[in-house]
Amino acid sequence: SLLLEIYCSLGTSRRDARSVADAFIGVMDGIRGVAVFEPLPANTQQEPKRIAETGDVWLSYEAGTAHRVSAGSFFQVNRFLIETLVGLVSKGEKGQLALDLYAGVGLFSQALAQSFAQVIAVEPSQTSYHDLRHNAVSEVKAVRATTEQYLAGASLPGADLIVVDPPRGGLGENV
């Protein structure tokens, strides 16, 4: 299954965006949905604005467990490395508390929940956070905040494991 994310020029009308989405939905077999976004100016922390969609705008991705991944959510892009990455992060790890900072839709959180009493998963993106909450099992506590906000405001008990999978920009000086 394919989910297309299309980014139009700033100021594209919803009507034109819908026309684009409708044009792409039937282009080839396997396209399950199309979401059209208006990009934000560079160097902004906000998410792109979804201005049109057609079909299903989420996929279910199997990676040990099922993960809902919506258009605009973060998920590991190299599907051939997902199982290896999850194994490197979680294999042989266990304890009372794990922190999954930059959690996305919960790829690592779900795996860690199998061997930790509690996993705190921190994610600032509204879209990814929504999927994280949908995917979370009872051992996973989803927190919507930036990692910097969470660390500044949390009274952290000793974590047995801390996982950081930051965006390309890295952890940032304050983190």
C-alpha atoms as a PDB file:
ATOM      1  CA  SER A   1       0.000   0.000   0.000  1.00  0.00           C
ATOM      2  CA  LEU A   2       1.095   3.533  -0.722  1.00  0.00           C
ATOM      3  CA  LEU A   3       0.199   6.778   0.973  1.00  0.00           C
ATOM      4  CA  LEU A   4       1.246   9.858  -0.959  1.00  0.00           C
ATOM      5  CA  GLU A   5       2.169  13.113   0.724  1.00  0.00           C
ATOM      6  CA  ILE A   6       2.214  15.994  -1.727  1.00  0.00           C
ATOM      7  CA  TYR A   7       3.515  19.453  -0.827  1.00  0.00           C
ATOM      8  CA  CYS A   8       2.116  22.366  -2.826  1.00  0.00           C
ATOM      9  CA  SER A   9       3.228  25.954  -3.048  1.00  0.00           C
ATOM     10  CA  LEU A  10       2.413  28.307  -0.220  1.00  0.00           C
ATOM     11  CA  GLY A  11      -1.019  29.831  -0.845  1.00  0.00           C
ATOM     12  CA  THR A  12      -2.439  26.903  -2.867  1.00  0.00           C
ATOM     13  CA  SER A  13      -6.233  26.909  -2.519  1.00  0.00           C
ATOM     14  CA  ARG A  14      -8.029  23.978  -0.886  1.00  0.00           C
ATOM     15  CA  ARG A  15      -9.957  23.479  -4.127  1.00  0.00           C
ATOM     16  CA  ASP A  16      -6.759  23.187  -6.194  1.00  0.00           C
ATOM     17  CA  ALA A  17      -5.198  20.926  -3.560  1.00  0.00           C
ATOM     18  CA  ARG A  18      -8.250  18.650  -3.669  1.00  0.00           C
ATOM     19  CA  SER A  19      -7.956  18.474  -7.468  1.00  0.00           C
ATOM     20  CA  VAL A  20      -4.328  17.390  -7.078  1.00  0.00           C
ATOM     21  CA  ALA A  21      -5.281  14.731  -4.511  1.00  0.00           C
ATOM     22  CA  ASP A  22      -8.091  13.411  -6.709  1.00  0.00           C
ATOM     23  CA  ALA A  23      -5.774  13.290  -9.738  1.00  0.00           C
ATOM     24  CA  PHE A  24      -3.150  11.199  -7.926  1.00  0.00           C
ATOM     25  CA  ILE A  25      -5.405   8.681  -6.131  1.00  0.00           C
ATOM     26  CA  GLY A  26      -5.892   6.558  -9.253  1.00  0.00           C
ATOM     27  CA  VAL A  27      -2.496   6.995 -10.913  1.00  0.00           C
ATOM     28  CA  MET A  28      -1.320   3.492 -10.003  1.00  0.00           C
ATOM     29  CA  ASP A  29      -2.487   0.417  -8.138  1.00  0.00           C
ATOM     30  CA  GLY A  30      -1.723   0.349  -4.459  1.00  0.00           C
ATOM     31  CA  ILE A  31      -2.242   4.053  -3.723  1.00  0.00           C
ATOM     32  CA  ARG A  32      -4.468   3.944  -0.669  1.00  0.00           C
ATOM     33  CA  GLY A  33      -4.646   7.661   0.001  1.00  0.00           C
ATOM     34  CA  VAL A  34      -3.289  11.092  -0.828  1.00  0.00           C
ATOM     35  CA  ALA A  35      -2.714  13.982   1.573  1.00  0.00           C
ATOM     36  CA  VAL A  36      -1.808  17.418   0.278  1.00  0.00           C
ATOM     37  CA  PHE A  37       0.105  19.805   2.517  1.00  0.00           C
ATOM     38  CA  GLU A  38       0.990  23.468   2.365  1.00  0.00           C
ATOM     39  CA  PRO A  39       4.585  23.817   3.532  1.00  0.00           C
ATOM     40  CA  LEU A  40       5.567  26.226   6.238  1.00  0.00           C
ATOM     41  CA  PRO A  41       8.347  28.752   5.908  1.00  0.00           C
ATOM     42  CA  ALA A  42      11.832  27.403   6.611  1.00  0.00           C
ATOM     43  CA  ASN A  43      13.149  27.269  10.181  1.00  0.00           C
ATOM     44  CA  THR A  44       9.760  26.885  11.838  1.00  0.00           C
ATOM     45  CA  GLN A  45       8.831  24.346  14.492  1.00  0.00           C
ATOM     46  CA  GLN A  46       5.211  24.039  13.320  1.00  0.00           C
ATOM     47  CA  GLU A  47       3.871  21.174  11.252  1.00  0.00           C
ATOM     48  CA  PRO A  48       2.870  21.534   7.611  1.00  0.00           C
ATOM     49  CA  LYS A  49      -0.827  22.312   7.183  1.00  0.00           C
ATOM     50  CA  ARG A  50      -2.907  19.562   5.539  1.00  0.00           C
ATOM     51  CA  ILE A  51      -5.167  21.287   3.032  1.00  0.00           C
ATOM     52  CA  ALA A  52      -6.728  18.329   1.199  1.00  0.00           C
ATOM     53  CA  GLU A  53      -6.957  14.559   1.326  1.00  0.00           C
ATOM     54  CA  THR A  54      -8.633  11.681  -0.414  1.00  0.00           C
ATOM     55  CA  GLY A  55      -8.824   8.005   0.464  1.00  0.00           C
ATOM     56  CA  ASP A  56      -7.293   6.624   3.664  1.00  0.00           C
ATOM     57  CA  VAL A  57      -4.612   8.950   4.991  1.00  0.00           C
ATOM     58  CA  TRP A  58      -2.927   6.379   7.241  1.00  0.00           C
ATOM     59  CA  LEU A  59      -1.262   3.006   6.841  1.00  0.00           C
ATOM     60  CA  SER A  60      -0.840   0.105   9.211  1.00  0.00           C
ATOM     61  CA  TYR A  61       2.813  -0.925   9.336  1.00  0.00           C
ATOM     62  CA  GLU A  62       3.868  -4.238  10.866  1.00  0.00           C
ATOM     63  CA  ALA A  63       7.123  -4.015  12.813  1.00  0.00           C
ATOM     64  CA  GLY A  64       6.807  -6.580  15.570  1.00  0.00           C
ATOM     65  CA  THR A  65       3.407  -5.070  16.294  1.00  0.00           C
ATOM     66  CA  ALA A  66       1.052  -3.047  14.132  1.00  0.00           C
ATOM     67  CA  HIS A  67       1.687   0.700  13.992  1.00  0.00           C
ATOM     68  CA  ARG A  68      -0.750   3.216  12.569  1.00  0.00           C
ATOM     69  CA  VAL A  69       1.220   5.802  10.595  1.00  0.00           C
ATOM     70  CA  SER A  70      -0.738   8.810   9.326  1.00  0.00           C
ATOM     71  CA  ALA A  71       0.247  11.218   6.583  1.00  0.00           C
ATOM     72  CA  GLY A  72       2.559  13.722   8.238  1.00  0.00           C
ATOM     73  CA  SER A  73       3.641  11.377  11.059  1.00  0.00           C
ATOM     74  CA  PHE A  74       7.231  10.337  11.625  1.00  0.00           C
ATOM     75  CA  PHE A  75       8.196   6.712  11.035  1.00  0.00           C
ATOM     76  CA  GLN A  76      11.552   5.209  10.105  1.00  0.00           C
ATOM     77  CA  VAL A  77      11.887   5.533   6.349  1.00  0.00           C
ATOM     78  CA  ASN A  78      14.235   2.625   5.681  1.00  0.00           C
ATOM     79  CA  ARG A  79      11.843  -0.293   6.096  1.00  0.00           C
ATOM     80  CA  PHE A  80      14.657  -2.764   5.519  1.00  0.00           C
ATOM     81  CA  LEU A  81      16.424  -1.630   8.713  1.00  0.00           C
ATOM     82  CA  ILE A  82      13.424  -1.353  11.055  1.00  0.00           C
ATOM     83  CA  GLU A  83      13.711  -4.800  12.631  1.00  0.00           C
ATOM     84  CA  THR A  84      17.474  -4.371  13.035  1.00  0.00           C
ATOM     85  CA  LEU A  85      17.047  -0.955  14.669  1.00  0.00           C
ATOM     86  CA  VAL A  86      14.349  -2.196  17.036  1.00  0.00           C
ATOM     87  CA  GLY A  87      16.538  -5.175  17.959  1.00  0.00           C
ATOM     88  CA  LEU A  88      19.567  -2.977  18.630  1.00  0.00           C
ATOM     89  CA  VAL A  89      17.525  -0.717  20.906  1.00  0.00           C
ATOM     90  CA  SER A  90      15.486  -3.293  22.805  1.00  0.00           C
ATOM     91  CA  LYS A  91      17.175  -6.709  22.728  1.00  0.00           C
ATOM     92  CA  GLY A  92      18.239  -7.776  26.220  1.00  0.00           C
ATOM     93  CA  GLU A  93      17.023  -4.530  27.795  1.00  0.00           C
ATOM     94  CA  LYS A  94      14.595  -4.672  30.719  1.00  0.00           C
ATOM     95  CA  GLY A  95      13.696  -2.803  33.854  1.00  0.00           C
ATOM     96  CA  GLN A  96      11.164  -0.535  35.503  1.00  0.00           C
ATOM     97  CA  LEU A  97      11.376   2.613  33.372  1.00  0.00           C
ATOM     98  CA  ALA A  98      12.478   3.435  29.835  1.00  0.00           C
ATOM     99  CA  LEU A  99      12.309   6.858  28.207  1.00  0.00           C
ATOM    100  CA  ASP A 100      11.704   7.083  24.467  1.00  0.00           C
ATOM    101  CA  LEU A 101      12.552  10.649  23.513  1.00  0.00           C
ATOM    102  CA  TYR A 102      11.575  11.729  19.992  1.00  0.00           C
ATOM    103  CA  ALA A 103       9.138   8.798  19.935  1.00  0.00           C
ATOM    104  CA  GLY A 104       7.342   9.408  16.635  1.00  0.00           C
ATOM    105  CA  VAL A 105       4.446   6.942  16.372  1.00  0.00           C
ATOM    106  CA  GLY A 106       6.003   4.678  19.019  1.00  0.00           C
ATOM    107  CA  LEU A 107       8.179   2.217  17.100  1.00  0.00           C
ATOM    108  CA  PHE A 108      10.681   1.780  19.941  1.00  0.00           C
ATOM    109  CA  SER A 109       8.118   2.399  22.705  1.00  0.00           C
ATOM    110  CA  GLN A 110       6.046  -0.586  21.643  1.00  0.00           C
ATOM    111  CA  ALA A 111       9.054  -2.906  21.633  1.00  0.00           C
ATOM    112  CA  LEU A 112      10.327  -1.608  24.992  1.00  0.00           C
ATOM    113  CA  ALA A 113       6.899  -2.069  26.585  1.00  0.00           C
ATOM    114  CA  GLN A 114       7.415  -5.820  26.327  1.00  0.00           C
ATOM    115  CA  SER A 115      10.248  -5.749  28.866  1.00  0.00           C
ATOM    116  CA  PHE A 116       9.773  -2.548  30.897  1.00  0.00           C
ATOM    117  CA  ALA A 117       7.101  -1.862  33.521  1.00  0.00           C
ATOM    118  CA  GLN A 118       6.638   1.648  32.081  1.00  0.00           C
ATOM    119  CA  VAL A 119       7.786   3.483  28.970  1.00  0.00           C
ATOM    120  CA  ILE A 120       7.436   7.251  28.751  1.00  0.00           C
ATOM    121  CA  ALA A 121       7.241   8.258  25.090  1.00  0.00           C
ATOM    122  CA  VAL A 122       7.814  11.947  24.324  1.00  0.00           C
ATOM    123  CA  GLU A 123       6.679  13.414  20.991  1.00  0.00           C
ATOM    124  CA  PRO A 124       5.919  17.049  20.038  1.00  0.00           C
ATOM    125  CA  SER A 125       4.197  16.550  16.663  1.00  0.00           C
ATOM    126  CA  GLN A 126       0.411  16.562  16.968  1.00  0.00           C
ATOM    127  CA  THR A 127       0.039  14.075  14.103  1.00  0.00           C
ATOM    128  CA  SER A 128       2.691  11.655  15.378  1.00  0.00           C
ATOM    129  CA  TYR A 129       1.424  12.028  18.963  1.00  0.00           C
ATOM    130  CA  HIS A 130      -2.097  11.091  17.850  1.00  0.00           C
ATOM    131  CA  ASP A 131      -0.719   7.922  16.232  1.00  0.00           C
ATOM    132  CA  LEU A 132       1.518   7.252  19.255  1.00  0.00           C
ATOM    133  CA  ARG A 133      -1.530   7.308  21.536  1.00  0.00           C
ATOM    134  CA  HIS A 134      -3.429   5.042  19.146  1.00  0.00           C
ATOM    135  CA  ASN A 135      -0.526   2.560  19.013  1.00  0.00           C
ATOM    136  CA  ALA A 136       0.358   2.660  22.725  1.00  0.00           C
ATOM    137  CA  VAL A 137      -0.184  -0.347  24.950  1.00  0.00           C
ATOM    138  CA  SER A 138      -0.962   0.152  28.645  1.00  0.00           C
ATOM    139  CA  GLU A 139       2.721   0.273  29.668  1.00  0.00           C
ATOM    140  CA  VAL A 140       3.366   3.263  27.383  1.00  0.00           C
ATOM    141  CA  LYS A 141       2.612   6.760  28.658  1.00  0.00           C
ATOM    142  CA  ALA A 142       2.515   9.213  25.753  1.00  0.00           C
ATOM    143  CA  VAL A 143       3.613  12.785  26.512  1.00  0.00           C
ATOM    144  CA  ARG A 144       3.098  15.596  23.996  1.00  0.00           C
ATOM    145  CA  ALA A 145       6.068  17.909  24.428  1.00  0.00           C
ATOM    146  CA  THR A 146       9.427  18.614  22.921  1.00  0.00           C
ATOM    147  CA  THR A 147      12.233  16.649  24.542  1.00  0.00           C
ATOM    148  CA  GLU A 148      13.626  19.915  25.911  1.00  0.00           C
ATOM    149  CA  GLN A 149      10.249  20.825  27.478  1.00  0.00           C
ATOM    150  CA  TYR A 150       9.844  17.367  28.961  1.00  0.00           C
ATOM    151  CA  LEU A 151      13.318  17.221  30.471  1.00  0.00           C
ATOM    152  CA  ALA A 152      12.995  20.750  31.903  1.00  0.00           C
ATOM    153  CA  GLY A 153       9.671  20.015  33.592  1.00  0.00           C
ATOM    154  CA  ALA A 154       9.998  16.383  34.613  1.00  0.00           C
ATOM    155  CA  SER A 155      11.089  15.124  37.973  1.00  0.00           C
ATOM    156  CA  LEU A 156      12.807  12.113  36.525  1.00  0.00           C
ATOM    157  CA  PRO A 157      13.169   8.997  38.569  1.00  0.00           C
ATOM    158  CA  GLY A 158      16.147   6.912  37.538  1.00  0.00           C
ATOM    159  CA  ALA A 159      15.472   5.523  34.088  1.00  0.00           C
ATOM    160  CA  ASP A 160      16.907   2.118  33.280  1.00  0.00           C
ATOM    161  CA  LEU A 161      17.154   3.025  29.583  1.00  0.00           C
ATOM    162  CA  ILE A 162      16.926   6.243  27.588  1.00  0.00           C
ATOM    163  CA  VAL A 163      16.389   6.028  23.829  1.00  0.00           C
ATOM    164  CA  VAL A 164      16.986   9.098  21.664  1.00  0.00           C
ATOM    165  CA  ASP A 165      16.144   9.045  17.976  1.00  0.00           C
ATOM    166  CA  PRO A 166      16.268  12.759  17.120  1.00  0.00           C
ATOM    167  CA  PRO A 167      15.453  14.434  13.827  1.00  0.00           C
ATOM    168  CA  ARG A 168      18.234  15.281  11.383  1.00  0.00           C
ATOM    169  CA  GLY A 169      18.975  18.486  13.266  1.00  0.00           C
ATOM    170  CA  GLY A 170      20.159  16.434  16.244  1.00  0.00           C
ATOM    171  CA  LEU A 171      19.513  16.740  19.955  1.00  0.00           C
ATOM    172  CA  GLY A 172      20.074  20.457  20.211  1.00  0.00           C
ATOM    173  CA  GLU A 173      22.364  22.205  22.656  1.00  0.00           C
ATOM    174  CA  ASN A 174      19.860  22.420  25.536  1.00  0.00           C
ATOM    175  CA  VAL A 175      18.909  18.735  25.425  1.00  0.00           C
END
